[in-house]
N, C-alpha and C. Protein backbone atom coordinates (compact mmCIF):
# COMPACT_ATOMS: atom_id res chain seq x y z
N UNK A 1 17.03 -42.93 -12.69
CA UNK A 1 16.95 -44.02 -13.60
C UNK A 1 15.83 -43.70 -14.63
N UNK A 2 14.69 -43.15 -14.13
CA UNK A 2 13.57 -42.79 -14.99
C UNK A 2 13.92 -41.68 -15.95
N UNK A 3 14.63 -40.70 -15.43
CA UNK A 3 15.19 -39.66 -16.32
C UNK A 3 16.16 -40.14 -17.37
N UNK A 4 16.98 -41.07 -17.02
CA UNK A 4 17.90 -41.68 -17.94
C UNK A 4 17.30 -42.35 -19.13
N UNK A 5 16.23 -43.10 -18.78
CA UNK A 5 15.44 -43.81 -19.72
C UNK A 5 14.76 -42.81 -20.71
N UNK A 6 14.20 -41.78 -20.08
CA UNK A 6 13.56 -40.83 -20.82
C UNK A 6 14.43 -40.17 -21.85
N UNK A 7 15.74 -39.89 -21.46
CA UNK A 7 16.74 -39.28 -22.29
C UNK A 7 17.07 -40.26 -23.51
N UNK A 8 17.22 -41.56 -23.06
CA UNK A 8 17.61 -42.59 -24.05
C UNK A 8 16.51 -42.73 -25.11
N UNK A 9 15.29 -42.64 -24.77
CA UNK A 9 14.13 -42.75 -25.63
C UNK A 9 14.16 -41.47 -26.62
N UNK A 10 14.35 -40.31 -25.91
CA UNK A 10 14.37 -39.12 -26.73
C UNK A 10 15.49 -39.10 -27.81
N UNK A 11 16.65 -39.65 -27.42
CA UNK A 11 17.80 -39.74 -28.43
C UNK A 11 17.44 -40.76 -29.53
N UNK A 12 16.80 -41.76 -29.22
CA UNK A 12 16.28 -42.77 -30.33
C UNK A 12 15.33 -42.11 -31.22
N UNK A 13 14.38 -41.35 -30.70
CA UNK A 13 13.39 -40.71 -31.41
C UNK A 13 14.13 -39.59 -32.40
N UNK A 14 15.14 -38.80 -31.73
CA UNK A 14 15.92 -37.84 -32.56
C UNK A 14 16.55 -38.46 -33.70
N UNK A 15 17.11 -39.82 -33.47
CA UNK A 15 17.89 -40.46 -34.56
C UNK A 15 16.91 -40.77 -35.67
N UNK A 16 15.62 -41.15 -35.37
CA UNK A 16 14.64 -41.43 -36.39
C UNK A 16 14.29 -40.30 -37.18
N UNK A 17 14.20 -39.11 -36.42
CA UNK A 17 13.79 -37.88 -37.16
C UNK A 17 14.96 -36.83 -37.35
N UNK A 18 16.12 -37.43 -37.66
CA UNK A 18 17.23 -36.52 -37.72
C UNK A 18 17.16 -35.49 -38.82
N UNK A 19 16.42 -35.85 -39.94
CA UNK A 19 16.37 -34.93 -41.06
C UNK A 19 15.62 -33.71 -40.66
N UNK A 20 14.64 -33.77 -39.78
CA UNK A 20 13.86 -32.65 -39.45
C UNK A 20 14.36 -31.95 -38.22
N UNK A 21 15.35 -32.43 -37.66
CA UNK A 21 15.94 -31.76 -36.35
C UNK A 21 15.15 -32.19 -35.14
N UNK A 22 15.83 -32.19 -33.94
CA UNK A 22 15.19 -32.51 -32.71
C UNK A 22 15.70 -31.78 -31.64
N UNK A 23 14.79 -31.25 -30.70
CA UNK A 23 15.31 -30.53 -29.57
C UNK A 23 14.70 -31.18 -28.30
N UNK A 24 15.51 -31.51 -27.37
CA UNK A 24 14.94 -32.09 -26.09
C UNK A 24 14.75 -31.06 -24.97
N UNK A 25 13.61 -30.89 -24.43
CA UNK A 25 13.36 -29.89 -23.42
C UNK A 25 12.63 -30.63 -22.22
N UNK A 26 13.26 -30.57 -21.07
CA UNK A 26 12.68 -31.05 -19.79
C UNK A 26 11.95 -29.93 -19.04
N UNK A 27 10.87 -30.27 -18.60
CA UNK A 27 10.12 -29.30 -17.74
C UNK A 27 10.64 -29.21 -16.37
N UNK A 28 10.79 -28.01 -15.88
CA UNK A 28 11.28 -27.80 -14.50
C UNK A 28 10.04 -27.74 -13.60
N UNK A 29 9.92 -28.75 -12.80
CA UNK A 29 8.67 -28.98 -11.97
C UNK A 29 8.60 -27.75 -10.91
N UNK A 30 9.77 -27.20 -10.53
CA UNK A 30 9.80 -26.15 -9.48
C UNK A 30 9.63 -24.70 -10.07
N UNK A 31 9.52 -24.65 -11.48
CA UNK A 31 9.34 -23.33 -12.06
C UNK A 31 8.14 -22.62 -11.64
N UNK A 32 8.01 -21.40 -11.42
CA UNK A 32 6.78 -20.67 -11.11
C UNK A 32 5.85 -20.72 -12.27
N UNK A 33 4.56 -20.77 -12.00
CA UNK A 33 3.57 -20.71 -13.07
C UNK A 33 3.51 -19.32 -13.78
N UNK A 34 3.38 -19.43 -14.97
CA UNK A 34 3.36 -18.09 -15.74
C UNK A 34 2.11 -17.30 -15.45
N UNK A 35 2.27 -15.98 -15.17
CA UNK A 35 1.18 -15.14 -14.92
C UNK A 35 0.65 -14.65 -16.15
N UNK A 36 -0.83 -14.84 -16.25
CA UNK A 36 -1.51 -14.41 -17.43
C UNK A 36 -1.21 -12.89 -17.72
N UNK A 37 -1.08 -12.50 -18.92
CA UNK A 37 -0.87 -11.09 -19.19
C UNK A 37 -2.01 -10.32 -19.14
N UNK A 38 -3.31 -10.68 -19.15
CA UNK A 38 -4.43 -9.90 -19.04
C UNK A 38 -5.01 -9.73 -17.74
N UNK A 39 -6.35 -9.40 -17.63
CA UNK A 39 -6.86 -9.10 -16.30
C UNK A 39 -6.82 -10.25 -15.36
N UNK A 40 -6.73 -11.51 -15.86
CA UNK A 40 -6.73 -12.65 -14.95
C UNK A 40 -5.47 -12.69 -14.03
N UNK A 41 -4.49 -11.92 -14.57
CA UNK A 41 -3.17 -11.98 -13.78
C UNK A 41 -3.02 -10.63 -13.00
N UNK A 42 -4.12 -9.82 -12.86
CA UNK A 42 -3.87 -8.64 -12.03
C UNK A 42 -3.53 -8.97 -10.62
N UNK A 43 -4.25 -9.82 -10.01
CA UNK A 43 -3.96 -10.13 -8.49
C UNK A 43 -2.57 -10.78 -8.34
N UNK A 44 -2.22 -11.64 -9.16
CA UNK A 44 -0.92 -12.32 -9.07
C UNK A 44 0.20 -11.25 -9.20
N UNK A 45 0.03 -10.40 -10.22
CA UNK A 45 1.04 -9.32 -10.42
C UNK A 45 1.20 -8.40 -9.26
N UNK A 46 0.03 -7.98 -8.65
CA UNK A 46 -0.04 -7.12 -7.44
C UNK A 46 0.63 -7.80 -6.31
N UNK A 47 0.28 -9.07 -6.14
CA UNK A 47 0.85 -9.86 -5.07
C UNK A 47 2.38 -10.00 -5.09
N UNK A 48 2.82 -10.12 -6.28
CA UNK A 48 4.37 -10.15 -6.48
C UNK A 48 4.95 -8.85 -6.18
N UNK A 49 4.21 -7.72 -6.61
CA UNK A 49 4.78 -6.43 -6.31
C UNK A 49 4.82 -6.18 -4.83
N UNK A 50 3.80 -6.52 -4.13
CA UNK A 50 3.80 -6.27 -2.65
C UNK A 50 4.82 -7.17 -1.87
N UNK A 51 4.97 -8.38 -2.42
CA UNK A 51 6.04 -9.22 -1.80
C UNK A 51 7.42 -8.58 -1.92
N UNK A 52 7.65 -7.88 -2.94
CA UNK A 52 8.99 -7.18 -3.13
C UNK A 52 9.06 -5.80 -2.45
N UNK A 53 7.92 -5.13 -2.41
CA UNK A 53 8.01 -3.71 -1.96
C UNK A 53 7.29 -3.30 -0.64
N UNK A 54 6.37 -4.08 -0.18
CA UNK A 54 5.56 -3.59 0.97
C UNK A 54 6.36 -3.39 2.17
N UNK A 55 7.10 -4.36 2.65
CA UNK A 55 7.81 -4.23 3.95
C UNK A 55 9.27 -3.61 3.60
N UNK A 56 9.83 -3.89 2.50
CA UNK A 56 11.17 -3.43 2.18
C UNK A 56 11.17 -1.98 1.65
N UNK A 57 10.11 -1.48 1.11
CA UNK A 57 10.12 -0.12 0.60
C UNK A 57 8.98 0.80 1.14
N UNK A 58 7.70 0.28 1.03
CA UNK A 58 6.64 1.19 1.35
C UNK A 58 6.70 1.59 2.83
N UNK A 59 6.72 0.62 3.76
CA UNK A 59 6.65 0.93 5.23
C UNK A 59 7.79 1.85 5.57
N UNK A 60 9.01 1.53 5.29
CA UNK A 60 10.14 2.40 5.61
C UNK A 60 9.99 3.80 4.90
N UNK A 61 9.50 3.88 3.78
CA UNK A 61 9.29 5.20 3.06
C UNK A 61 8.46 6.15 3.90
N UNK A 62 7.28 5.61 4.32
CA UNK A 62 6.21 6.29 5.15
C UNK A 62 6.87 6.71 6.53
N UNK A 63 7.64 5.81 7.13
CA UNK A 63 8.24 6.15 8.46
C UNK A 63 9.28 7.11 8.27
N UNK A 64 10.07 7.13 7.28
CA UNK A 64 11.16 8.03 7.03
C UNK A 64 10.80 9.44 6.69
N UNK A 65 9.69 9.56 5.95
CA UNK A 65 9.12 10.81 5.43
C UNK A 65 8.17 11.46 6.38
N UNK A 66 7.77 10.83 7.41
CA UNK A 66 6.69 11.40 8.22
C UNK A 66 7.03 12.64 8.93
N UNK A 67 6.12 13.58 8.82
CA UNK A 67 6.23 14.86 9.61
C UNK A 67 5.23 14.75 10.87
N UNK A 68 5.51 15.51 11.79
CA UNK A 68 4.37 15.53 12.88
C UNK A 68 3.48 16.59 12.46
N UNK A 69 2.24 16.83 13.15
CA UNK A 69 1.26 17.63 12.72
C UNK A 69 1.67 19.13 12.62
N UNK A 70 2.44 19.56 13.51
CA UNK A 70 3.09 20.93 13.54
C UNK A 70 3.92 21.11 12.31
N UNK A 71 4.69 20.10 12.05
CA UNK A 71 5.68 20.25 10.79
C UNK A 71 4.93 20.35 9.61
N UNK A 72 3.72 19.45 9.46
CA UNK A 72 2.90 19.52 8.25
C UNK A 72 2.30 20.84 8.05
N UNK A 73 1.71 21.41 9.22
CA UNK A 73 1.09 22.72 9.13
C UNK A 73 2.12 23.83 8.71
N UNK A 74 3.25 23.72 9.21
CA UNK A 74 4.35 24.68 8.92
C UNK A 74 4.69 24.62 7.35
N UNK A 75 4.77 23.38 6.84
CA UNK A 75 5.05 23.17 5.39
C UNK A 75 3.95 23.74 4.58
N UNK A 76 2.64 23.39 5.02
CA UNK A 76 1.55 23.83 4.24
C UNK A 76 1.32 25.29 4.28
N UNK A 77 1.85 26.00 5.19
CA UNK A 77 1.76 27.47 5.22
C UNK A 77 2.39 28.17 4.03
N UNK A 78 3.35 27.43 3.39
CA UNK A 78 3.99 27.98 2.22
C UNK A 78 3.21 27.54 0.89
N UNK A 79 2.15 26.86 1.07
CA UNK A 79 1.39 26.48 -0.14
C UNK A 79 1.42 24.97 -0.32
N UNK A 80 0.31 24.44 -0.88
CA UNK A 80 0.24 22.94 -0.91
C UNK A 80 1.25 22.37 -1.85
N UNK A 81 1.35 23.00 -3.01
CA UNK A 81 2.37 22.40 -3.98
C UNK A 81 3.82 22.50 -3.55
N UNK A 82 4.07 23.50 -2.80
CA UNK A 82 5.49 23.75 -2.21
C UNK A 82 5.66 22.66 -1.26
N UNK A 83 4.73 22.47 -0.38
CA UNK A 83 4.80 21.44 0.67
C UNK A 83 4.87 20.07 0.05
N UNK A 84 4.06 19.84 -0.89
CA UNK A 84 3.99 18.51 -1.58
C UNK A 84 5.32 18.15 -2.36
N UNK A 85 5.84 19.16 -2.99
CA UNK A 85 7.17 18.90 -3.70
C UNK A 85 8.30 18.50 -2.65
N UNK A 86 8.18 19.10 -1.52
CA UNK A 86 9.31 18.87 -0.58
C UNK A 86 8.96 17.72 0.34
N UNK A 87 7.81 17.21 0.55
CA UNK A 87 7.53 16.20 1.58
C UNK A 87 6.58 15.10 1.11
N UNK A 88 5.98 15.18 -0.01
CA UNK A 88 4.97 14.22 -0.32
C UNK A 88 5.17 13.61 -1.80
N UNK A 89 4.21 12.67 -2.10
CA UNK A 89 4.12 12.27 -3.49
C UNK A 89 2.70 12.38 -4.02
N UNK A 90 2.70 12.74 -5.31
CA UNK A 90 1.35 12.99 -5.88
C UNK A 90 0.83 11.86 -6.58
N UNK A 91 -0.35 11.64 -6.37
CA UNK A 91 -1.04 10.41 -7.13
C UNK A 91 -1.19 10.62 -8.63
N UNK A 92 -1.45 9.64 -9.36
CA UNK A 92 -1.57 9.72 -10.80
C UNK A 92 -2.88 10.45 -11.19
N UNK A 93 -2.89 11.21 -12.39
CA UNK A 93 -4.05 11.90 -12.82
C UNK A 93 -3.96 13.29 -12.49
N UNK A 94 -4.64 14.13 -13.38
CA UNK A 94 -4.79 15.54 -13.21
C UNK A 94 -5.61 15.84 -11.95
N UNK A 95 -5.10 16.83 -11.09
CA UNK A 95 -5.78 17.26 -9.85
C UNK A 95 -5.61 16.19 -8.77
N UNK A 96 -4.69 15.23 -8.84
CA UNK A 96 -4.59 14.17 -7.80
C UNK A 96 -4.06 14.78 -6.55
N UNK A 97 -4.34 14.21 -5.47
CA UNK A 97 -3.92 14.70 -4.17
C UNK A 97 -2.43 14.47 -3.92
N UNK A 98 -1.86 15.31 -3.07
CA UNK A 98 -0.59 15.13 -2.56
C UNK A 98 -0.63 14.18 -1.25
N UNK A 99 0.11 13.27 -1.12
CA UNK A 99 0.12 12.27 -0.13
C UNK A 99 1.25 12.45 0.94
N UNK A 100 0.97 12.96 2.15
CA UNK A 100 1.91 13.30 3.17
C UNK A 100 1.99 12.21 4.15
N UNK A 101 3.21 11.75 4.49
CA UNK A 101 3.29 10.90 5.67
C UNK A 101 3.25 11.64 6.90
N UNK A 102 2.59 11.19 7.93
CA UNK A 102 2.39 11.86 9.21
C UNK A 102 2.52 10.88 10.44
N UNK A 103 3.24 11.37 11.43
CA UNK A 103 3.43 10.65 12.61
C UNK A 103 3.20 11.50 13.74
N UNK A 104 2.30 11.16 14.68
CA UNK A 104 2.08 11.92 15.85
C UNK A 104 1.30 11.20 16.99
N UNK A 105 0.74 11.92 17.93
CA UNK A 105 -0.03 11.22 18.86
C UNK A 105 -0.96 12.33 19.45
N UNK A 106 -2.01 11.83 20.06
CA UNK A 106 -3.02 12.78 20.61
C UNK A 106 -4.05 12.05 21.33
N UNK A 107 -5.19 12.80 21.79
CA UNK A 107 -6.24 12.38 22.56
C UNK A 107 -7.48 12.20 21.65
N UNK A 108 -8.15 11.06 21.79
CA UNK A 108 -9.31 10.75 21.01
C UNK A 108 -10.44 11.52 21.70
N UNK A 109 -11.15 12.40 20.82
CA UNK A 109 -12.19 13.31 21.24
C UNK A 109 -13.61 12.71 20.71
N UNK A 110 -13.56 11.80 19.81
CA UNK A 110 -14.78 11.24 19.23
C UNK A 110 -14.38 9.96 18.48
N UNK A 111 -15.27 9.00 18.42
CA UNK A 111 -15.00 7.73 17.74
C UNK A 111 -16.32 7.32 17.09
N UNK A 112 -16.10 6.36 16.13
CA UNK A 112 -17.21 5.62 15.59
C UNK A 112 -16.74 4.31 15.46
N UNK A 113 -17.14 3.32 16.39
CA UNK A 113 -16.66 2.09 16.28
C UNK A 113 -17.75 0.96 16.08
N UNK A 114 -18.86 1.35 15.78
CA UNK A 114 -20.03 0.45 15.49
C UNK A 114 -20.22 0.37 13.96
N UNK A 115 -19.10 0.60 13.16
CA UNK A 115 -19.31 0.62 11.70
C UNK A 115 -18.16 -0.29 11.12
N UNK A 116 -18.35 -0.73 9.98
CA UNK A 116 -17.32 -1.50 9.23
C UNK A 116 -16.14 -0.51 8.84
N UNK A 117 -16.47 0.73 8.79
CA UNK A 117 -15.33 1.71 8.59
C UNK A 117 -15.15 2.55 9.81
N UNK A 118 -14.48 1.81 10.79
CA UNK A 118 -14.30 2.57 12.15
C UNK A 118 -13.42 3.71 11.95
N UNK A 119 -13.62 4.79 12.83
CA UNK A 119 -12.74 5.95 12.85
C UNK A 119 -12.66 6.49 14.23
N UNK A 120 -11.54 7.30 14.44
CA UNK A 120 -11.29 7.93 15.66
C UNK A 120 -10.95 9.34 15.31
N UNK A 121 -11.53 10.41 15.89
CA UNK A 121 -11.14 11.78 15.75
C UNK A 121 -10.14 12.14 16.87
N UNK A 122 -9.04 12.74 16.55
CA UNK A 122 -7.92 12.91 17.50
C UNK A 122 -7.53 14.48 17.50
N UNK A 123 -7.38 14.88 18.80
CA UNK A 123 -6.98 16.13 19.21
C UNK A 123 -5.39 16.02 19.42
N UNK A 124 -4.67 16.55 18.51
CA UNK A 124 -3.17 16.46 18.63
C UNK A 124 -2.54 17.76 19.36
N UNK A 125 -3.08 18.92 19.18
CA UNK A 125 -2.45 20.07 19.63
C UNK A 125 -2.95 20.50 21.08
N UNK A 126 -3.84 19.73 21.59
CA UNK A 126 -4.28 20.01 22.95
C UNK A 126 -5.37 21.03 23.16
N UNK A 127 -5.97 21.51 22.15
CA UNK A 127 -7.08 22.52 22.24
C UNK A 127 -8.41 22.00 22.49
N UNK A 128 -8.57 20.57 22.58
CA UNK A 128 -9.85 20.02 22.79
C UNK A 128 -10.63 19.79 21.52
N UNK A 129 -10.19 20.23 20.33
CA UNK A 129 -10.89 20.00 19.13
C UNK A 129 -10.17 18.96 18.19
N UNK A 130 -10.85 18.25 17.41
CA UNK A 130 -10.30 17.24 16.56
C UNK A 130 -9.40 17.92 15.45
N UNK A 131 -8.20 17.40 15.31
CA UNK A 131 -7.34 17.87 14.33
C UNK A 131 -7.27 16.94 13.11
N UNK A 132 -7.58 15.69 13.34
CA UNK A 132 -7.57 14.74 12.24
C UNK A 132 -8.48 13.43 12.55
N UNK A 133 -8.74 12.73 11.43
CA UNK A 133 -9.47 11.48 11.63
C UNK A 133 -8.60 10.31 11.23
N UNK A 134 -8.61 9.37 12.01
CA UNK A 134 -7.92 8.10 11.70
C UNK A 134 -8.84 6.97 11.25
N UNK A 135 -8.57 6.41 10.06
CA UNK A 135 -9.32 5.19 9.55
C UNK A 135 -8.72 3.94 10.38
N UNK A 136 -9.70 3.19 10.97
CA UNK A 136 -9.26 1.99 11.77
C UNK A 136 -9.80 0.79 11.22
N UNK A 137 -10.46 0.81 10.05
CA UNK A 137 -10.91 -0.54 9.42
C UNK A 137 -12.04 -1.16 10.14
N UNK A 138 -12.46 -2.36 9.66
CA UNK A 138 -11.86 -3.13 8.63
C UNK A 138 -11.92 -2.52 7.19
N UNK A 139 -12.99 -1.75 6.96
CA UNK A 139 -13.02 -1.11 5.60
C UNK A 139 -12.14 0.11 5.63
N UNK A 140 -11.25 0.17 4.68
CA UNK A 140 -10.27 1.27 4.63
C UNK A 140 -10.44 1.80 3.26
N UNK A 141 -10.79 3.14 3.26
CA UNK A 141 -11.17 3.79 1.89
C UNK A 141 -9.96 4.58 1.42
N UNK A 142 -9.86 4.67 0.08
CA UNK A 142 -8.89 5.58 -0.54
C UNK A 142 -7.66 4.94 -1.03
N UNK A 143 -6.79 5.57 -1.72
CA UNK A 143 -5.49 5.15 -2.23
C UNK A 143 -4.30 5.79 -1.68
N UNK A 144 -4.34 6.37 -0.49
CA UNK A 144 -3.33 7.18 -0.04
C UNK A 144 -1.96 6.39 0.18
N UNK A 145 -2.05 5.13 0.58
CA UNK A 145 -0.87 4.46 0.82
C UNK A 145 -0.19 3.97 -0.51
N UNK A 146 -0.94 3.75 -1.52
CA UNK A 146 -0.38 3.41 -2.80
C UNK A 146 0.26 4.72 -3.39
N UNK A 147 -0.46 5.77 -3.24
CA UNK A 147 -0.04 7.03 -3.86
C UNK A 147 1.01 7.85 -3.20
N UNK A 148 1.40 7.39 -2.00
CA UNK A 148 2.50 7.93 -1.21
C UNK A 148 3.77 7.45 -1.81
N UNK A 149 3.79 6.41 -2.57
CA UNK A 149 5.00 5.81 -2.99
C UNK A 149 5.31 6.09 -4.57
N UNK A 150 6.55 6.71 -4.77
CA UNK A 150 6.76 7.02 -6.13
C UNK A 150 7.11 5.77 -7.07
N UNK A 151 7.42 4.71 -6.35
CA UNK A 151 7.74 3.41 -7.19
C UNK A 151 6.51 2.68 -7.58
N UNK A 152 5.33 3.08 -7.24
CA UNK A 152 4.16 2.52 -7.87
C UNK A 152 3.67 3.49 -9.07
N UNK A 153 4.27 3.23 -10.18
CA UNK A 153 4.05 4.10 -11.31
C UNK A 153 2.95 3.56 -12.10
N UNK A 154 2.03 4.39 -12.49
CA UNK A 154 0.76 3.95 -13.18
C UNK A 154 1.23 3.38 -14.45
N UNK A 155 2.20 3.86 -15.19
CA UNK A 155 2.70 3.41 -16.52
C UNK A 155 3.08 1.92 -16.42
N UNK A 156 3.40 1.42 -15.34
CA UNK A 156 3.89 -0.07 -15.11
C UNK A 156 2.71 -1.02 -14.99
N UNK A 157 1.48 -0.49 -15.06
CA UNK A 157 0.32 -1.23 -14.80
C UNK A 157 -0.49 -1.58 -16.08
N UNK A 158 -1.17 -2.63 -16.15
CA UNK A 158 -1.98 -2.92 -17.40
C UNK A 158 -2.95 -1.86 -17.72
N UNK A 159 -3.67 -1.35 -16.71
CA UNK A 159 -4.63 -0.37 -16.93
C UNK A 159 -5.00 0.20 -15.48
N UNK A 160 -6.04 1.17 -15.36
CA UNK A 160 -6.39 1.84 -14.21
C UNK A 160 -7.10 0.76 -13.27
N UNK A 161 -7.55 -0.38 -13.74
CA UNK A 161 -8.29 -1.37 -12.96
C UNK A 161 -7.22 -2.09 -12.08
N UNK A 162 -6.07 -2.58 -12.76
CA UNK A 162 -4.96 -3.15 -12.15
C UNK A 162 -4.30 -2.23 -10.97
N UNK A 163 -4.25 -1.03 -11.44
CA UNK A 163 -3.72 0.00 -10.44
C UNK A 163 -4.64 0.21 -9.20
N UNK A 164 -5.96 0.14 -9.45
CA UNK A 164 -6.89 0.29 -8.31
C UNK A 164 -6.81 -0.91 -7.40
N UNK A 165 -6.68 -2.11 -8.08
CA UNK A 165 -6.54 -3.29 -7.34
C UNK A 165 -5.23 -3.32 -6.33
N UNK A 166 -4.17 -2.59 -6.84
CA UNK A 166 -3.04 -2.52 -5.89
C UNK A 166 -3.37 -1.84 -4.60
N UNK A 167 -4.18 -0.63 -4.81
CA UNK A 167 -4.51 0.08 -3.63
C UNK A 167 -5.21 -0.78 -2.65
N UNK A 168 -6.23 -1.50 -3.19
CA UNK A 168 -6.99 -2.43 -2.29
C UNK A 168 -6.16 -3.39 -1.67
N UNK A 169 -5.19 -3.95 -2.29
CA UNK A 169 -4.30 -4.98 -1.88
C UNK A 169 -3.48 -4.46 -0.69
N UNK A 170 -2.96 -3.17 -0.92
CA UNK A 170 -2.23 -2.46 0.24
C UNK A 170 -3.09 -2.29 1.45
N UNK A 171 -4.30 -1.79 1.25
CA UNK A 171 -5.14 -1.60 2.38
C UNK A 171 -5.43 -2.89 3.05
N UNK A 172 -5.60 -3.94 2.24
CA UNK A 172 -5.83 -5.23 2.96
C UNK A 172 -4.71 -5.76 3.78
N UNK A 173 -3.44 -5.30 3.44
CA UNK A 173 -2.24 -5.70 4.15
C UNK A 173 -2.13 -5.02 5.51
N UNK A 174 -2.65 -3.70 5.57
CA UNK A 174 -2.65 -2.95 6.67
C UNK A 174 -3.72 -3.25 7.69
N UNK A 175 -4.87 -3.78 7.14
CA UNK A 175 -6.16 -4.06 8.02
C UNK A 175 -5.93 -4.84 9.20
N UNK A 176 -5.21 -6.06 9.13
CA UNK A 176 -5.16 -6.78 10.43
C UNK A 176 -4.55 -6.08 11.65
N UNK A 177 -3.55 -5.28 11.45
CA UNK A 177 -2.91 -4.47 12.43
C UNK A 177 -3.87 -3.53 13.06
N UNK A 178 -4.83 -2.95 12.28
CA UNK A 178 -5.73 -1.98 12.79
C UNK A 178 -6.91 -2.60 13.45
N UNK A 179 -7.47 -3.68 13.01
CA UNK A 179 -8.57 -4.28 13.64
C UNK A 179 -8.28 -5.05 14.83
N UNK A 180 -6.96 -5.31 14.99
CA UNK A 180 -6.43 -5.96 16.24
C UNK A 180 -6.72 -5.01 17.49
N UNK A 181 -6.68 -3.70 17.16
CA UNK A 181 -6.91 -2.78 18.33
C UNK A 181 -8.41 -2.57 18.34
N UNK A 182 -9.12 -3.33 19.20
CA UNK A 182 -10.58 -3.30 19.23
C UNK A 182 -11.11 -2.22 19.96
N UNK A 183 -10.63 -1.59 21.03
CA UNK A 183 -11.15 -0.64 21.68
C UNK A 183 -10.39 0.69 21.67
N UNK A 184 -10.88 1.77 21.17
CA UNK A 184 -10.35 3.07 21.01
C UNK A 184 -11.26 4.03 21.72
N UNK A 185 -11.32 4.06 23.10
CA UNK A 185 -12.24 4.90 23.79
C UNK A 185 -11.99 6.40 23.67
N UNK A 186 -12.99 7.27 23.79
CA UNK A 186 -12.91 8.64 23.92
C UNK A 186 -11.97 8.96 25.13
N UNK A 187 -11.08 9.78 25.10
CA UNK A 187 -10.25 10.16 26.23
C UNK A 187 -8.88 9.37 26.13
N UNK A 188 -8.66 8.31 25.32
CA UNK A 188 -7.55 7.58 25.20
C UNK A 188 -6.51 8.35 24.37
N UNK A 189 -5.14 8.14 24.86
CA UNK A 189 -4.15 8.71 23.91
C UNK A 189 -3.72 7.64 22.87
N UNK A 190 -3.58 8.04 21.74
CA UNK A 190 -3.23 7.14 20.63
C UNK A 190 -1.99 7.70 19.92
N UNK A 191 -1.23 6.77 19.39
CA UNK A 191 -0.02 7.09 18.67
C UNK A 191 -0.10 6.47 17.28
N UNK A 192 0.29 7.11 16.25
CA UNK A 192 -0.02 6.60 14.89
C UNK A 192 1.09 7.14 13.93
N UNK A 193 1.20 6.40 12.86
CA UNK A 193 2.08 6.80 11.68
C UNK A 193 1.20 6.41 10.46
N UNK A 194 1.02 7.25 9.48
CA UNK A 194 0.26 6.98 8.38
C UNK A 194 0.36 7.92 7.22
N UNK A 195 -0.62 8.05 6.35
CA UNK A 195 -0.58 8.91 5.20
C UNK A 195 -1.88 9.60 5.06
N UNK A 196 -1.86 10.93 4.78
CA UNK A 196 -2.99 11.77 4.60
C UNK A 196 -2.90 12.42 3.27
N UNK A 197 -3.99 12.18 2.44
CA UNK A 197 -4.04 12.90 1.10
C UNK A 197 -4.66 14.24 1.11
N UNK A 198 -4.13 15.26 0.50
CA UNK A 198 -4.62 16.52 0.56
C UNK A 198 -4.71 17.17 -0.89
N UNK A 199 -5.77 17.73 -1.24
CA UNK A 199 -6.06 18.51 -2.44
C UNK A 199 -6.05 19.91 -2.19
N UNK A 200 -6.07 20.38 -0.99
CA UNK A 200 -6.07 21.82 -0.60
C UNK A 200 -5.28 21.87 0.77
N UNK A 201 -4.64 22.99 0.92
CA UNK A 201 -3.78 23.17 2.18
C UNK A 201 -4.64 23.11 3.35
N UNK A 202 -5.88 23.59 3.34
CA UNK A 202 -6.75 23.58 4.44
C UNK A 202 -7.78 22.53 4.54
N UNK A 203 -7.49 21.34 3.67
CA UNK A 203 -8.37 20.32 3.59
C UNK A 203 -8.49 19.37 5.00
N UNK A 204 -9.57 18.63 5.12
CA UNK A 204 -9.69 17.76 6.26
C UNK A 204 -8.51 16.71 6.09
N UNK A 205 -8.06 16.39 7.31
CA UNK A 205 -6.89 15.39 7.45
C UNK A 205 -7.51 14.03 7.87
N UNK A 206 -7.52 13.17 6.79
CA UNK A 206 -8.08 11.75 7.09
C UNK A 206 -6.80 10.91 6.79
N UNK A 207 -6.38 10.15 7.95
CA UNK A 207 -5.15 9.47 7.96
C UNK A 207 -5.36 7.95 7.84
N UNK A 208 -4.74 7.38 6.92
CA UNK A 208 -4.67 5.85 6.83
C UNK A 208 -3.36 5.44 7.41
N UNK A 209 -3.51 4.71 8.65
CA UNK A 209 -2.33 4.38 9.34
C UNK A 209 -1.66 3.20 8.81
N UNK A 210 -0.24 3.19 8.98
CA UNK A 210 0.42 1.92 8.72
C UNK A 210 0.78 1.34 10.11
N UNK A 211 0.66 2.14 11.16
CA UNK A 211 0.89 1.79 12.52
C UNK A 211 0.04 2.55 13.50
N UNK A 212 -0.51 1.83 14.46
CA UNK A 212 -1.40 2.60 15.44
C UNK A 212 -1.47 1.79 16.70
N UNK A 213 -1.48 2.58 17.82
CA UNK A 213 -1.57 1.94 19.12
C UNK A 213 -2.28 2.88 20.12
N UNK A 214 -2.95 2.27 21.10
CA UNK A 214 -3.49 3.01 22.19
C UNK A 214 -2.46 2.94 23.24
N UNK A 215 -1.83 4.09 23.68
CA UNK A 215 -0.91 4.17 24.69
C UNK A 215 -1.24 4.34 26.07
N UNK A 216 -2.38 4.88 26.24
CA UNK A 216 -2.94 5.12 27.67
C UNK A 216 -4.49 5.44 27.60
């Protein structure tokens, strides 16, 4: 009834102003709010990107492309760029790292759990020495998860600040699953899937996990 009366009133007003023309526009109360084009819209745009891509594209991509440590070492033996072109995605910018997906398990030989940036050093090949370091949060450093995905294209972002905010937003999405595992004792066997960035074939392996568990 209210909408009918509003329409009738609008038609009356249009009749009065017929010479100048009249257009009736009703606002859709359910329409999404417009995202600002500038820096004030960075977080909203990145949230929308992750709603579309995080579970549907990013997590499956890492899981599907993941090599085990032996496979990664074999690929790297042919050279970093050769391995990267076959198995990884390169971040934006000159000299950016190749980002390899990695899935394996091993024994924790050292840990640091009294820090906001907790880590566990893991022996995968059984020689008693650490082969890689896992980031366990809550502070997660780096852009490996963003840069592992070819569909996060720098040219689609307002600037490098918005691009950097996406990396932080992805790390924040991963954080709850990591910090939920409170105790990662030395001697425990852990299983993980994640991404490791490399700028050299013999570089240190620091893995940002998308999935992590203590299995024994």
